[in-house]
Amino acid sequence: MPTTTAAAPRTLLARWHDYRLGALSDDLIAAVIVTILLVPQSLAYAMLAGLPPVVGVMASLLPIVAYAAFGSSSSLAVGPVAVLAMMTAQAVGGVAAAHQITPHLAALVLALEMAAVFLIAALFRLETLAALLGTPVLHGFITGAALVIAIGQLPALLGVQAGGSTVVALWQSLAGASHPLPHATTALIGVLALALMWALRRHGSPVLQGLGFRPRTAQLLARTAPIVVVAAAIAWVAGFPHLNEGVALSGGISLGEGLAFPMPWTAPLPVWRELLAPAVLLGLVAYVESLAVAEALGARRGEKVSPRRELFGLAAANAAASVSGGMPVTGGFARSIVNFDAGARTRMAGVWTALFLALAIALLGDVLHYLPRAVLAATIVVAVLSLVDFAPFVLAWRYSRTEFALMLMVAVLTLTVGVKEALLAGVVGAVGLLLQRTARPHWTEVGRLAGTDVFRNVNRFEVETLPEVLSIRVDESLVFTNSRWISETLSSALARRPNLRHVVLMMSGVNGIDLTGLEVLMQLDRELRAKGLQLHFSELKGPVRDRLDRTGVTAWLSGRIFMTQAEAFNTLARNCCSAH
């Protein structure tokens, strides 16, 4: 069957001819639909980050265009996202207060430093560092962060003067509040908005399909349902102002206001130093989230996503956010899914989205003055609760209790201590688990299945063994963390086999041997030679054999190197028989 190779992603300009021929209408439709989603989302995530609402809008304009020019995914939609907004709030709040600058200026510095982090990672091909946030850490963090964000919106949803970046801090704030009771009108608006958004998202698509809409259309309309609630809330507040006294409003938004911002390089030098570590942490989270979304959508479309180009795309997007008055951005799950389902064909869909969003704000900016902050809080809650998924916890509990413990630890720390501490603990824990696994790698004595050249665990299968030959299959690379385990393991095995003459290390599972591993193997050979035994290797992989050859392995190894374990078994069996 012929195979096909995915073509390398082309630049936006290289696709222009194809774009003109067939994709314009699809991209325009997708842009309109995504714009409808972005209006409330942009305002909500700016509020979550503790920044003026217009900042969220600015972060959804030029960054989209910048990513379109340098990114690799045709479906990914970049902009502010909930988890990144929360991390931004935690990163810039204390720094801004300490140096007497606005949180907005600190956010601009943070975005520019993130751009530098992405650029350096791309230039030095460090995209593999995303592996530091493995599945247990990522699932635990996202679940914990989503719960923190949702719970943290309760004060705005109910009209309570309280706040905090963790559940503990929020509880302490509520306990010390002078007026801890909800504002009745705000709570009514917030709860109704939350209920309506949840119902529309959960049941909107089936209802619309029952009314005759196509499944795809019904799904898209359901996902953009928040704009219906936003419009209704604005109409209610604007139409009955006397009934809504004391309700906190978002305030009017204008692009002119969005352009009146300080440049990041006006911030004091200590601000740059203090935000560097958060920039690295946010960059890691942003890259992992963005790449996961891009690859998932790319797989559905048969599109190859370049991890390195994604770094360049995110670098350009965050640099654009910094110099245009925005906030840190990444590829968002919700907006990317809507963009994909709406039929976006190329990255030009993002450019059209930015244009339509600018037009929407220019035309409707004053109208948004009447938007209650409780509705924005409801928008955030509905968006982040879709990220809460306990299925990975159940799977981890069944598959690996240690990884379940790591996942749970990260989630609990995110809820109670803070994002930075949770992620750092997660990375340290993941590295610790890796070292634990490699320090005591799996190994087993193997024998031959009768009538075959297949070798299996002697404790699991009825196999043939030779009394003078000990065959050990090593299922892990031999590195500094585990190399000395070999001597310890073999010492106990040799004590139980007084008639041994040969030891064969079956190396089919060994992908690498570092210098420590080499020295341990050489020492093991010397010890076995002193006892009158020979050490043999079998099934060495090519790169491993090449490196051993450079050490002159045939000169220091007392035994032989066999191509297969079957060859070793048959050869040593003949030698043992001839010796008798």
Protein backbone atom coordinates (compact mmCIF):
# COMPACT_ATOMS: atom_id res chain seq x y z
CA MET A 1 0.00 0.00 0.00
CA PRO A 2 1.54 3.33 -0.98
CA THR A 3 2.43 5.71 1.79
CA THR A 4 2.12 9.46 1.82
CA THR A 5 4.26 11.99 3.57
CA ALA A 6 2.64 15.07 5.06
CA ALA A 7 3.84 18.22 3.41
CA ALA A 8 5.70 20.74 5.51
CA PRO A 9 3.53 23.64 6.68
CA ARG A 10 3.65 26.55 4.29
CA THR A 11 3.72 30.21 5.15
CA LEU A 12 0.63 32.34 4.85
CA LEU A 13 1.99 34.05 1.72
CA ALA A 14 2.80 30.72 0.08
CA ARG A 15 -0.85 29.74 0.48
CA TRP A 16 -2.27 32.94 -0.96
CA HIS A 17 -3.02 31.48 -4.40
CA ASP A 18 -4.98 28.58 -2.96
CA TYR A 19 -6.65 30.91 -0.51
CA ARG A 20 -7.98 33.18 -3.23
CA LEU A 21 -9.42 30.22 -5.08
CA GLY A 22 -11.43 28.49 -2.42
CA ALA A 23 -11.11 29.44 1.24
CA LEU A 24 -12.29 33.05 1.54
CA SER A 25 -15.96 32.34 2.25
CA ASP A 26 -15.19 29.59 4.77
CA ASP A 27 -12.72 31.79 6.63
CA LEU A 28 -15.12 34.73 6.72
CA ILE A 29 -17.93 32.62 8.17
CA ALA A 30 -15.60 31.14 10.80
CA ALA A 31 -14.32 34.62 11.67
CA VAL A 32 -17.85 35.95 12.26
CA ILE A 33 -18.71 33.06 14.56
CA VAL A 34 -15.44 33.27 16.52
CA THR A 35 -15.87 37.05 16.90
CA ILE A 36 -19.25 36.47 18.54
CA LEU A 37 -17.51 34.19 21.05
CA LEU A 38 -14.55 36.51 21.60
CA VAL A 39 -16.48 39.64 22.61
CA PRO A 40 -17.58 38.36 26.05
CA GLN A 41 -14.55 36.07 26.45
CA SER A 42 -11.99 38.82 25.91
CA LEU A 43 -13.66 41.03 28.50
CA ALA A 44 -14.05 38.16 30.96
CA TYR A 45 -10.44 36.98 30.82
CA ALA A 46 -9.12 40.51 31.23
CA MET A 47 -11.27 40.78 34.37
CA LEU A 48 -9.90 37.43 35.55
CA ALA A 49 -6.35 38.74 35.12
CA GLY A 50 -7.20 41.84 37.16
CA LEU A 51 -6.80 44.12 34.12
CA PRO A 52 -9.09 46.63 32.38
CA PRO A 53 -11.60 44.96 30.03
CA VAL A 54 -10.12 46.64 26.96
CA VAL A 55 -6.85 44.76 27.57
CA GLY A 56 -8.58 41.49 26.72
CA VAL A 57 -9.79 43.02 23.47
CA MET A 58 -6.32 44.25 22.52
CA ALA A 59 -4.93 40.78 23.27
CA SER A 60 -7.36 39.36 20.71
CA LEU A 61 -6.40 41.67 17.83
CA LEU A 62 -2.74 41.91 16.73
CA PRO A 63 -1.66 38.64 18.42
CA ILE A 64 -4.03 36.73 16.13
CA VAL A 65 -2.47 38.39 13.08
CA ALA A 66 1.07 37.74 14.35
CA TYR A 67 0.36 34.06 14.91
CA ALA A 68 -1.17 33.78 11.44
CA ALA A 69 2.11 35.00 9.98
CA PHE A 70 4.44 32.68 11.92
CA GLY A 71 2.43 29.74 13.31
CA SER A 72 1.80 26.37 11.67
CA SER A 73 -1.80 25.47 12.56
CA SER A 74 -4.67 26.57 10.33
CA SER A 75 -7.22 26.02 13.12
CA LEU A 76 -5.54 27.36 16.26
CA ALA A 77 -7.01 30.61 17.57
CA VAL A 78 -4.72 32.52 19.96
CA GLY A 79 -5.70 35.00 22.61
CA PRO A 80 -6.23 35.25 26.36
CA VAL A 81 -7.34 32.03 28.04
CA ALA A 82 -8.65 31.34 31.54
CA VAL A 83 -5.70 29.47 33.05
CA LEU A 84 -3.15 31.91 31.64
CA ALA A 85 -5.23 34.87 32.82
CA MET A 86 -5.30 33.51 36.34
CA MET A 87 -1.55 32.89 36.29
CA THR A 88 -1.03 36.42 34.95
CA ALA A 89 -3.02 37.87 37.85
CA GLN A 90 -0.92 35.98 40.37
CA ALA A 91 2.34 36.92 38.64
CA VAL A 92 1.80 40.67 38.17
CA GLY A 93 -0.27 41.60 41.22
CA GLY A 94 2.48 41.58 43.83
CA VAL A 95 5.16 42.91 41.49
CA ALA A 96 3.01 45.86 40.42
CA ALA A 97 2.18 46.79 44.01
CA ALA A 98 5.80 46.47 45.14
CA HIS A 99 7.15 48.77 42.42
CA GLN A 100 4.16 51.14 42.25
CA ILE A 101 3.29 50.47 38.63
CA THR A 102 -0.01 49.44 37.09
CA PRO A 103 -0.80 45.72 36.72
CA HIS A 104 -1.28 46.45 33.03
CA LEU A 105 2.33 47.58 32.60
CA ALA A 106 3.53 44.51 34.48
CA ALA A 107 1.39 42.32 32.20
CA LEU A 108 2.99 43.93 29.14
CA VAL A 109 6.45 43.14 30.51
CA LEU A 110 5.36 39.59 31.26
CA ALA A 111 4.05 39.09 27.70
CA LEU A 112 7.27 40.41 26.17
CA GLU A 113 9.40 38.18 28.37
CA MET A 114 7.24 35.22 27.40
CA ALA A 115 7.85 36.12 23.75
CA ALA A 116 11.60 36.07 24.44
CA VAL A 117 11.29 32.68 26.17
CA PHE A 118 9.42 31.23 23.17
CA LEU A 119 11.94 32.70 20.72
CA ILE A 120 14.96 31.35 22.61
CA ALA A 121 13.30 27.93 22.90
CA ALA A 122 12.62 27.91 19.15
CA LEU A 123 16.15 29.05 18.18
CA PHE A 124 17.78 26.44 20.42
CA ARG A 125 15.23 23.72 19.55
CA LEU A 126 14.04 23.29 23.13
CA GLU A 127 10.49 22.28 22.25
CA THR A 128 11.04 18.93 23.99
CA LEU A 129 11.06 20.76 27.35
CA ALA A 130 7.28 20.61 27.19
CA ALA A 131 7.68 17.04 28.42
CA LEU A 132 8.37 18.48 31.89
CA LEU A 133 4.61 18.89 32.22
CA GLY A 134 3.68 15.25 31.83
CA THR A 135 0.14 13.96 31.83
CA PRO A 136 -0.28 13.63 35.64
CA VAL A 137 1.03 17.16 36.26
CA LEU A 138 -0.96 18.70 33.43
CA HIS A 139 -4.27 17.02 34.33
CA GLY A 140 -3.86 17.84 38.00
CA PHE A 141 -2.95 21.45 37.28
CA ILE A 142 -5.73 22.11 34.76
CA THR A 143 -8.38 20.57 37.00
CA GLY A 144 -7.16 22.45 40.07
CA ALA A 145 -6.82 25.72 38.15
CA ALA A 146 -10.29 25.40 36.64
CA LEU A 147 -11.81 24.85 40.09
CA VAL A 148 -9.86 27.79 41.54
CA ILE A 149 -11.02 30.04 38.72
CA ALA A 150 -14.65 28.94 39.03
CA ILE A 151 -14.71 29.36 42.82
CA GLY A 152 -12.85 32.66 42.54
CA GLN A 153 -15.65 34.09 40.40
CA LEU A 154 -18.27 33.60 43.11
CA PRO A 155 -17.71 37.04 44.69
CA ALA A 156 -18.22 38.81 41.35
CA LEU A 157 -21.12 36.51 40.52
CA LEU A 158 -22.89 37.27 43.80
CA GLY A 159 -21.78 40.85 44.38
CA VAL A 160 -19.57 40.13 47.42
CA GLN A 161 -16.50 42.25 48.16
CA ALA A 162 -13.89 39.51 48.46
CA GLY A 163 -11.14 37.89 46.45
CA GLY A 164 -8.09 35.62 46.49
CA SER A 165 -5.89 33.55 44.21
CA THR A 166 -6.56 30.31 46.10
CA VAL A 167 -9.51 28.77 47.89
CA VAL A 168 -7.79 29.40 51.22
CA ALA A 169 -7.15 33.07 50.39
CA LEU A 170 -10.73 33.51 49.21
CA TRP A 171 -12.11 32.01 52.41
CA GLN A 172 -9.92 34.26 54.52
CA SER A 173 -11.07 37.26 52.50
CA LEU A 174 -14.72 36.34 52.98
CA ALA A 175 -14.18 35.81 56.70
CA GLY A 176 -12.69 39.27 57.05
CA ALA A 177 -15.17 41.10 54.78
CA SER A 178 -17.22 43.88 56.33
CA HIS A 179 -20.21 43.04 54.11
CA PRO A 180 -20.00 39.31 53.32
CA LEU A 181 -23.63 39.01 52.20
CA PRO A 182 -24.45 38.94 48.46
CA HIS A 183 -25.89 41.94 46.65
CA ALA A 184 -29.41 40.76 45.82
CA THR A 185 -29.73 42.20 42.30
CA THR A 186 -26.18 41.23 41.32
CA ALA A 187 -26.70 37.70 42.62
CA LEU A 188 -29.97 37.39 40.72
CA ILE A 189 -28.37 38.53 37.46
CA GLY A 190 -25.30 36.36 37.99
CA VAL A 191 -27.16 33.18 38.90
CA LEU A 192 -29.65 33.59 36.05
CA ALA A 193 -26.84 34.24 33.58
CA LEU A 194 -24.94 31.20 34.83
CA ALA A 195 -28.01 28.97 34.61
CA LEU A 196 -28.91 30.18 31.13
CA MET A 197 -25.37 29.78 29.78
CA TRP A 198 -25.06 26.32 31.27
CA ALA A 199 -28.43 25.24 29.89
CA LEU A 200 -27.72 26.64 26.43
CA ARG A 201 -24.31 25.00 26.28
CA ARG A 202 -25.55 21.64 27.57
CA HIS A 203 -28.96 21.42 25.91
CA GLY A 204 -28.84 24.05 23.18
CA SER A 205 -27.55 21.78 20.43
CA PRO A 206 -30.13 18.97 20.89
CA VAL A 207 -32.96 21.53 21.09
CA LEU A 208 -31.81 23.30 17.94
CA GLN A 209 -31.45 20.00 16.11
CA GLY A 210 -35.00 19.18 17.14
CA LEU A 211 -36.08 22.46 15.57
CA GLY A 212 -34.56 21.43 12.25
CA PHE A 213 -31.01 22.83 12.38
CA ARG A 214 -28.17 20.71 11.06
CA PRO A 215 -26.00 19.14 13.79
CA ARG A 216 -22.94 21.23 12.93
CA THR A 217 -24.91 24.48 12.83
CA ALA A 218 -26.72 23.65 16.07
CA GLN A 219 -23.43 22.89 17.80
CA LEU A 220 -21.86 26.17 16.70
CA LEU A 221 -24.88 28.20 17.77
CA ALA A 222 -24.87 26.50 21.18
CA ARG A 223 -21.17 27.29 21.70
CA THR A 224 -21.72 30.95 20.92
CA ALA A 225 -24.73 31.09 23.24
CA PRO A 226 -23.04 33.39 25.80
CA ILE A 227 -23.54 36.33 23.44
CA VAL A 228 -27.34 35.84 23.79
CA VAL A 229 -27.09 36.10 27.56
CA VAL A 230 -24.76 39.08 27.28
CA ALA A 231 -27.18 40.91 24.98
CA ALA A 232 -30.11 40.17 27.29
CA ALA A 233 -28.21 41.40 30.36
CA ILE A 234 -27.17 44.61 28.60
CA ALA A 235 -30.77 45.24 27.49
CA TRP A 236 -32.07 44.64 31.03
CA VAL A 237 -29.56 46.95 32.74
CA ALA A 238 -29.86 49.69 30.11
CA GLY A 239 -33.65 49.48 30.02
CA PHE A 240 -34.26 49.45 33.78
CA PRO A 241 -31.41 51.34 35.44
CA HIS A 242 -33.49 52.10 38.57
CA LEU A 243 -33.83 48.39 39.23
CA ASN A 244 -30.10 47.73 39.00
CA GLU A 245 -28.58 50.16 41.47
CA GLY A 246 -25.37 48.82 43.00
CA VAL A 247 -24.72 46.33 40.16
CA ALA A 248 -21.06 46.48 39.10
CA LEU A 249 -20.71 47.17 35.37
CA SER A 250 -17.82 46.52 33.03
CA GLY A 251 -17.71 50.11 31.76
CA GLY A 252 -17.50 51.38 28.22
CA ILE A 253 -14.77 50.16 25.91
CA SER A 254 -13.12 52.00 23.04
CA LEU A 255 -10.19 51.17 20.83
CA GLY A 256 -8.86 54.65 21.55
CA GLU A 257 -8.69 53.76 25.22
CA GLY A 258 -6.98 50.50 24.31
CA LEU A 259 -4.26 52.37 22.40
CA ALA A 260 -3.46 54.63 25.37
CA PHE A 261 -1.07 52.31 27.17
CA PRO A 262 2.53 52.50 28.37
CA MET A 263 5.29 50.66 26.55
CA PRO A 264 6.78 47.68 28.43
CA TRP A 265 10.34 49.07 28.35
CA THR A 266 9.23 51.96 30.58
CA ALA A 267 8.97 49.53 33.50
CA PRO A 268 11.82 49.58 36.07
CA LEU A 269 14.56 46.98 35.67
CA PRO A 270 13.67 45.11 38.91
CA VAL A 271 10.22 44.40 37.43
CA TRP A 272 11.85 42.61 34.51
CA ARG A 273 14.00 40.53 36.85
CA GLU A 274 11.12 39.54 39.12
CA LEU A 275 8.82 38.57 36.24
CA LEU A 276 11.40 36.44 34.42
CA ALA A 277 10.73 33.24 36.39
CA PRO A 278 6.92 33.59 36.04
CA ALA A 279 7.44 34.22 32.31
CA VAL A 280 9.26 30.89 31.96
CA LEU A 281 6.54 29.10 33.92
CA LEU A 282 3.68 30.73 32.01
CA GLY A 283 5.50 30.08 28.75
CA LEU A 284 5.77 26.38 29.54
CA VAL A 285 2.07 26.10 30.39
CA ALA A 286 1.05 28.20 27.38
CA TYR A 287 3.15 26.14 24.98
CA VAL A 288 1.90 22.79 26.27
CA GLU A 289 -1.74 23.90 26.09
CA SER A 290 -1.39 25.49 22.66
CA LEU A 291 0.52 22.58 21.14
CA ALA A 292 -1.96 20.05 22.52
CA VAL A 293 -4.89 21.91 20.95
CA ALA A 294 -3.07 22.45 17.64
CA GLU A 295 -2.05 18.80 17.33
CA ALA A 296 -5.51 17.54 18.26
CA LEU A 297 -7.16 19.70 15.60
CA GLY A 298 -4.39 18.96 13.11
CA ALA A 299 -4.97 15.22 13.51
CA ARG A 300 -8.66 15.68 12.71
CA ARG A 301 -7.79 17.55 9.52
CA GLY A 302 -4.72 15.53 8.50
CA GLU A 303 -2.53 18.59 9.00
CA LYS A 304 1.04 18.42 10.26
CA VAL A 305 1.82 20.80 13.10
CA SER A 306 5.41 21.91 13.59
CA PRO A 307 6.27 22.24 17.32
CA ARG A 308 9.15 24.59 16.51
CA ARG A 309 7.01 26.84 14.34
CA GLU A 310 4.43 26.92 17.10
CA LEU A 311 7.11 28.41 19.34
CA PHE A 312 7.81 31.08 16.72
CA GLY A 313 4.07 31.72 16.38
CA LEU A 314 3.56 32.11 20.12
CA ALA A 315 6.65 34.34 20.34
CA ALA A 316 5.23 36.62 17.67
CA ALA A 317 1.75 36.63 19.25
CA ASN A 318 3.00 37.56 22.72
CA ALA A 319 5.35 40.21 21.34
CA ALA A 320 2.40 41.70 19.46
CA ALA A 321 0.28 41.57 22.63
CA SER A 322 2.99 43.39 24.59
CA VAL A 323 3.43 46.28 22.13
CA SER A 324 -0.30 46.67 21.45
CA GLY A 325 -1.57 46.92 25.01
CA GLY A 326 -2.65 43.30 25.45
CA MET A 327 -1.80 40.52 27.91
CA PRO A 328 -0.12 37.09 27.67
CA VAL A 329 -1.80 34.87 25.08
CA THR A 330 -1.77 31.29 23.86
CA GLY A 331 -3.86 28.96 21.76
CA GLY A 332 -7.27 28.66 23.39
CA PHE A 333 -9.24 25.41 23.44
CA ALA A 334 -12.74 26.90 23.23
CA ARG A 335 -12.08 29.46 20.50
CA SER A 336 -9.97 26.99 18.49
CA ILE A 337 -12.71 24.36 18.57
CA VAL A 338 -15.27 26.93 17.43
CA ASN A 339 -12.87 28.14 14.73
CA PHE A 340 -12.36 24.57 13.53
CA ASP A 341 -16.04 23.58 13.61
CA ALA A 342 -17.00 26.80 11.85
CA GLY A 343 -14.95 25.65 8.88
CA ALA A 344 -11.82 27.83 9.00
CA ARG A 345 -9.57 26.74 6.13
CA THR A 346 -6.43 28.83 6.68
CA ARG A 347 -4.77 31.06 9.26
CA MET A 348 -6.29 34.03 7.41
CA ALA A 349 -9.45 33.24 9.40
CA GLY A 350 -7.59 34.69 12.39
CA VAL A 351 -6.84 37.89 10.49
CA TRP A 352 -10.52 38.32 9.58
CA THR A 353 -11.46 37.59 13.21
CA ALA A 354 -9.20 40.40 14.42
CA LEU A 355 -10.75 42.78 11.88
CA PHE A 356 -14.33 41.87 12.81
CA LEU A 357 -13.56 42.11 16.53
CA ALA A 358 -12.12 45.60 16.06
CA LEU A 359 -15.24 46.63 14.15
CA ALA A 360 -17.49 45.12 16.82
CA ILE A 361 -15.73 47.02 19.62
CA ALA A 362 -15.74 50.25 17.59
CA LEU A 363 -19.49 49.95 17.03
CA LEU A 364 -20.58 48.44 20.33
CA GLY A 365 -17.97 49.69 22.80
CA ASP A 366 -20.34 52.16 24.43
CA VAL A 367 -23.10 49.57 24.66
CA LEU A 368 -20.79 47.28 26.65
CA HIS A 369 -20.81 49.86 29.44
CA TYR A 370 -24.07 48.26 30.63
CA LEU A 371 -22.66 44.73 30.79
CA PRO A 372 -22.73 43.50 34.42
CA ARG A 373 -19.50 42.05 35.74
CA ALA A 374 -21.60 39.21 37.17
CA VAL A 375 -22.36 38.10 33.61
CA LEU A 376 -18.66 38.11 32.77
CA ALA A 377 -18.07 36.00 35.87
CA ALA A 378 -20.76 33.58 34.68
CA THR A 379 -19.02 33.42 31.29
CA ILE A 380 -15.76 32.45 32.97
CA VAL A 381 -17.38 29.82 35.19
CA VAL A 382 -19.11 28.11 32.26
CA ALA A 383 -15.93 28.20 30.18
CA VAL A 384 -13.60 26.75 32.82
CA LEU A 385 -15.95 24.09 34.17
CA SER A 386 -15.63 22.36 30.80
CA LEU A 387 -11.96 21.88 31.71
CA VAL A 388 -12.80 19.96 34.89
CA ASP A 389 -12.44 16.29 34.09
CA PHE A 390 -12.11 13.63 36.78
CA ALA A 391 -11.82 10.74 34.32
CA PRO A 392 -7.98 11.01 34.22
CA PHE A 393 -7.93 10.70 38.01
CA VAL A 394 -9.97 7.49 37.85
CA LEU A 395 -7.72 6.12 35.11
CA ALA A 396 -4.57 7.03 37.04
CA TRP A 397 -5.93 5.35 40.19
CA ARG A 398 -6.49 2.13 38.28
CA TYR A 399 -3.23 2.25 36.33
CA SER A 400 -0.60 3.81 38.61
CA ARG A 401 -1.24 4.83 42.22
CA THR A 402 1.98 6.87 42.37
CA GLU A 403 0.99 8.93 39.33
CA PHE A 404 -2.49 9.34 40.78
CA ALA A 405 -0.89 10.69 43.94
CA LEU A 406 1.17 13.14 41.87
CA MET A 407 -1.91 14.27 39.94
CA LEU A 408 -3.92 14.75 43.14
CA MET A 409 -1.05 16.59 44.84
CA VAL A 410 -0.78 19.11 41.99
CA ALA A 411 -4.55 19.70 41.99
CA VAL A 412 -4.71 20.20 45.77
CA LEU A 413 -1.69 22.54 45.80
CA THR A 414 -3.21 24.58 42.98
CA LEU A 415 -6.40 24.95 45.00
CA THR A 416 -4.78 25.75 48.34
CA VAL A 417 -1.25 27.14 47.89
CA GLY A 418 -0.78 28.66 44.44
CA VAL A 419 -0.15 27.98 40.77
CA LYS A 420 3.62 28.47 40.82
CA GLU A 421 4.14 26.24 43.82
CA ALA A 422 1.86 23.54 42.39
CA LEU A 423 3.63 23.44 39.04
CA LEU A 424 7.10 23.42 40.57
CA ALA A 425 6.08 20.64 42.94
CA GLY A 426 4.58 18.75 40.01
CA VAL A 427 7.74 19.01 37.93
CA VAL A 428 9.91 17.95 40.88
CA GLY A 429 7.53 15.08 41.62
CA ALA A 430 7.53 13.91 38.00
CA VAL A 431 11.33 13.96 37.89
CA GLY A 432 11.40 12.08 41.19
CA LEU A 433 9.09 9.37 39.83
CA LEU A 434 11.26 9.08 36.72
CA LEU A 435 14.39 8.67 38.81
CA GLN A 436 12.64 6.11 40.99
CA ARG A 437 11.63 4.06 37.94
CA THR A 438 15.03 4.24 36.32
CA ALA A 439 16.85 3.53 39.59
CA ARG A 440 15.19 0.11 39.82
CA PRO A 441 14.51 -0.91 36.22
CA HIS A 442 12.58 -3.99 35.27
CA TRP A 443 14.62 -7.07 34.54
CA THR A 444 13.93 -10.75 34.35
CA GLU A 445 15.59 -14.09 33.76
CA VAL A 446 14.50 -15.51 30.41
CA GLY A 447 14.36 -18.94 28.82
CA ARG A 448 13.38 -20.33 25.43
CA LEU A 449 9.86 -21.43 24.58
CA ALA A 450 10.13 -25.03 23.42
CA GLY A 451 10.43 -25.40 19.66
CA THR A 452 10.86 -21.65 19.06
CA ASP A 453 13.46 -18.91 19.11
CA VAL A 454 11.27 -16.83 21.42
CA PHE A 455 12.54 -15.99 24.93
CA ARG A 456 10.22 -15.15 27.80
CA ASN A 457 10.15 -14.66 31.58
CA VAL A 458 10.92 -17.90 33.41
CA ASN A 459 8.33 -17.03 36.06
CA ARG A 460 5.51 -16.56 33.54
CA PHE A 461 6.09 -19.30 30.97
CA GLU A 462 7.20 -22.91 30.66
CA VAL A 463 10.63 -22.37 29.12
CA GLU A 464 13.93 -24.14 28.52
CA THR A 465 17.01 -22.96 30.40
CA LEU A 466 20.64 -24.07 30.59
CA PRO A 467 22.03 -24.79 34.10
CA GLU A 468 25.37 -23.20 33.23
CA VAL A 469 23.90 -20.12 31.56
CA LEU A 470 22.07 -17.22 33.21
CA SER A 471 20.17 -15.09 30.68
CA ILE A 472 18.99 -11.71 31.99
CA ARG A 473 16.80 -9.41 29.90
CA VAL A 474 17.35 -5.75 30.77
CA ASP A 475 14.34 -3.55 30.02
CA GLU A 476 15.82 -0.12 30.70
CA SER A 477 18.66 2.04 29.47
CA LEU A 478 21.76 1.79 31.65
CA VAL A 479 22.47 5.23 33.06
CA PHE A 480 23.97 6.71 36.20
CA THR A 481 20.73 6.30 38.17
CA ASN A 482 20.51 2.53 37.79
CA SER A 483 23.80 1.12 36.54
CA ARG A 484 25.04 -0.16 39.89
CA TRP A 485 21.81 -2.12 40.23
CA ILE A 486 23.26 -4.63 37.77
CA SER A 487 26.03 -5.73 40.11
CA GLU A 488 23.67 -5.98 43.06
CA THR A 489 21.13 -8.00 41.08
CA LEU A 490 23.63 -10.41 39.63
CA SER A 491 25.39 -10.96 42.97
CA SER A 492 22.26 -12.49 44.48
CA ALA A 493 21.53 -14.48 41.31
CA LEU A 494 25.08 -15.89 41.14
CA ALA A 495 24.90 -17.03 44.74
CA ARG A 496 21.96 -19.31 43.83
CA ARG A 497 23.68 -20.75 40.73
CA PRO A 498 27.02 -22.33 41.73
CA ASN A 499 27.40 -24.15 38.38
CA LEU A 500 27.24 -21.04 36.21
CA ARG A 501 29.81 -20.49 33.51
CA HIS A 502 28.13 -17.82 31.40
CA VAL A 503 26.07 -14.69 31.99
CA VAL A 504 24.15 -13.25 29.01
CA LEU A 505 22.67 -9.76 29.16
CA MET A 506 19.84 -9.58 26.64
CA MET A 507 19.92 -5.88 25.70
CA SER A 508 16.86 -5.59 23.43
CA GLY A 509 15.28 -3.08 25.83
CA VAL A 510 18.42 -0.94 26.25
CA ASN A 511 18.23 2.24 24.20
CA GLY A 512 21.35 3.86 25.63
CA ILE A 513 24.33 3.37 27.95
CA ASP A 514 25.98 6.40 29.53
CA LEU A 515 29.55 6.59 30.83
CA THR A 516 28.57 5.36 34.30
CA GLY A 517 26.77 2.40 32.74
CA LEU A 518 29.82 1.59 30.63
CA GLU A 519 32.14 1.63 33.62
CA VAL A 520 29.77 -0.62 35.59
CA LEU A 521 29.65 -3.12 32.71
CA MET A 522 33.45 -3.16 32.49
CA GLN A 523 33.74 -3.67 36.25
CA LEU A 524 31.12 -6.43 36.09
CA ASP A 525 33.12 -8.20 33.39
CA ARG A 526 36.27 -8.06 35.53
CA GLU A 527 34.42 -9.48 38.56
CA LEU A 528 32.90 -12.32 36.55
CA ARG A 529 36.24 -13.08 34.90
CA ALA A 530 37.84 -13.39 38.34
CA LYS A 531 35.23 -16.03 39.22
CA GLY A 532 35.85 -17.97 36.03
CA LEU A 533 32.69 -16.72 34.32
CA GLN A 534 32.16 -15.06 30.96
CA LEU A 535 29.94 -12.06 30.25
CA HIS A 536 28.06 -11.93 26.93
CA PHE A 537 25.74 -9.40 25.27
CA SER A 538 22.89 -10.14 22.89
CA GLU A 539 20.49 -8.10 20.76
CA LEU A 540 22.38 -4.84 21.09
CA LYS A 541 20.72 -2.01 19.19
CA GLY A 542 22.77 -0.37 16.47
CA PRO A 543 23.51 2.98 18.18
CA VAL A 544 24.40 1.19 21.44
CA ARG A 545 26.73 -1.21 19.62
CA ASP A 546 28.38 1.69 17.77
CA ARG A 547 29.24 3.44 21.02
CA LEU A 548 30.53 0.22 22.61
CA ASP A 549 32.70 -0.42 19.56
CA ARG A 550 34.38 2.95 20.09
CA THR A 551 35.52 1.67 23.51
CA GLY A 552 37.08 -1.45 22.03
CA VAL A 553 34.44 -3.70 23.55
CA THR A 554 35.77 -6.85 21.92
CA ALA A 555 39.08 -6.29 23.74
CA TRP A 556 37.72 -5.91 27.26
CA LEU A 557 34.64 -8.17 27.07
CA SER A 558 35.43 -11.72 28.24
CA GLY A 559 32.61 -13.26 26.20
CA ARG A 560 30.95 -12.56 22.86
CA ILE A 561 28.36 -10.24 21.37
CA PHE A 562 25.54 -12.25 19.80
CA MET A 563 23.17 -10.93 17.18
CA THR A 564 20.16 -12.66 18.77
CA GLN A 565 19.37 -14.33 22.07
CA ALA A 566 18.63 -17.55 20.14
CA GLU A 567 22.17 -17.51 18.74
CA ALA A 568 23.56 -17.03 22.24
CA PHE A 569 21.45 -19.88 23.62
CA ASN A 570 22.35 -22.34 20.86
CA THR A 571 26.06 -21.46 20.85
CA LEU A 572 26.48 -21.69 24.61
CA ALA A 573 24.44 -24.90 24.73
CA ARG A 574 26.88 -26.52 22.28
CA ASN A 575 29.89 -25.21 24.19
CA CYS A 576 28.58 -26.53 27.48
CA CYS A 577 27.84 -29.95 25.97
CA SER A 578 31.27 -30.19 24.34
CA ALA A 579 32.94 -29.26 27.59
CA HIS A 580 31.23 -32.20 29.28
